[in-house]
Amino acid sequence: MTTNQSAAIIREALRDAAKHCGCLPSEAHDPRSKPAIMARNMALVAAHRQGVPKHDLCDGFRRSWETVNKTLLSSQP
């Protein structure tokens, strides 16, 4: 997957998750409120399920490997 493809998937996931949680995509990208954090986490999981590699998730969401990993692990049933 190219970086541009990853970026497009991340943008779409952020848009959808933000709409679902009642915040703006820009708020979800750099969250400061509980709904924005929930939207970011939903978008991270959605983008990963669509095949975005973890290193692209770290870059795209500007989060550490540990934060991304913790979010993905906590979303598993």
Protein backbone atom coordinates (compact mmCIF):
# COMPACT_ATOMS: atom_id res chain seq x y z
CA MET A 1 0.00 0.00 0.00
CA THR A 2 1.37 3.41 -0.92
CA THR A 3 1.56 6.34 1.46
CA ASN A 4 -1.10 8.18 -0.57
CA GLN A 5 -3.46 5.22 -0.31
CA SER A 6 -2.88 5.05 3.44
CA ALA A 7 -3.51 8.78 3.78
CA ALA A 8 -6.78 8.54 1.84
CA ILE A 9 -8.01 5.67 4.00
CA ILE A 10 -7.04 7.51 7.20
CA ARG A 11 -8.83 10.69 6.05
CA GLU A 12 -11.99 8.77 5.26
CA ALA A 13 -11.85 6.83 8.53
CA LEU A 14 -11.41 10.08 10.48
CA ARG A 15 -14.36 11.68 8.68
CA ASP A 16 -16.64 8.73 9.36
CA ALA A 17 -15.59 8.29 12.99
CA ALA A 18 -15.85 12.01 13.76
CA LYS A 19 -19.34 12.14 12.26
CA HIS A 20 -20.33 9.12 14.35
CA CYS A 21 -18.93 10.65 17.58
CA GLY A 22 -20.23 14.18 16.98
CA CYS A 23 -16.97 16.05 16.48
CA LEU A 24 -14.92 17.47 13.63
CA PRO A 25 -12.30 15.36 11.82
CA SER A 26 -9.64 17.90 12.81
CA GLU A 27 -10.60 17.40 16.47
CA ALA A 28 -10.31 13.63 16.08
CA HIS A 29 -6.90 13.97 14.45
CA ASP A 30 -5.50 15.83 17.47
CA PRO A 31 -8.01 15.00 20.22
CA ARG A 32 -8.55 17.04 23.36
CA SER A 33 -12.03 15.84 24.31
CA LYS A 34 -13.52 12.44 25.06
CA PRO A 35 -15.63 12.29 21.84
CA ALA A 36 -12.58 13.23 19.78
CA ILE A 37 -10.47 10.54 21.46
CA MET A 38 -13.19 7.98 20.80
CA ALA A 39 -13.34 9.08 17.15
CA ARG A 40 -9.55 8.84 16.80
CA ASN A 41 -9.54 5.35 18.25
CA MET A 42 -12.39 4.25 15.98
CA ALA A 43 -10.59 5.70 12.96
CA LEU A 44 -7.33 3.97 13.92
CA VAL A 45 -9.05 0.60 14.12
CA ALA A 46 -11.03 1.16 10.92
CA ALA A 47 -7.94 2.19 8.95
CA HIS A 48 -5.96 -0.78 10.26
CA ARG A 49 -8.76 -3.17 9.28
CA GLN A 50 -8.58 -1.73 5.76
CA GLY A 51 -4.92 -2.68 5.54
CA VAL A 52 -3.07 0.47 6.59
CA PRO A 53 0.26 -0.63 8.13
CA LYS A 54 1.04 0.37 11.70
CA HIS A 55 3.93 2.63 10.71
CA ASP A 56 1.58 4.62 8.46
CA LEU A 57 -0.95 4.81 11.29
CA CYS A 58 1.75 6.24 13.57
CA ASP A 59 2.68 8.85 10.97
CA GLY A 60 -0.88 9.63 9.90
CA PHE A 61 -2.26 10.03 13.39
CA ARG A 62 0.94 11.53 14.84
CA ARG A 63 0.94 8.99 17.63
CA SER A 64 3.63 6.72 19.03
CA TRP A 65 3.90 3.06 18.16
CA GLU A 66 2.86 2.23 21.73
CA THR A 67 -0.30 4.35 21.55
CA VAL A 68 -1.32 2.85 18.22
CA ASN A 69 -0.61 -0.68 19.45
CA LYS A 70 -2.53 -0.14 22.70
CA THR A 71 -5.55 1.19 20.78
CA LEU A 72 -5.54 -1.71 18.34
CA LEU A 73 -5.13 -4.30 21.09
CA SER A 74 -7.92 -2.81 23.19
CA SER A 75 -10.31 -3.01 20.24
CA GLN A 76 -9.98 -6.78 19.87
CA PRO A 77 -12.79 -8.90 21.32
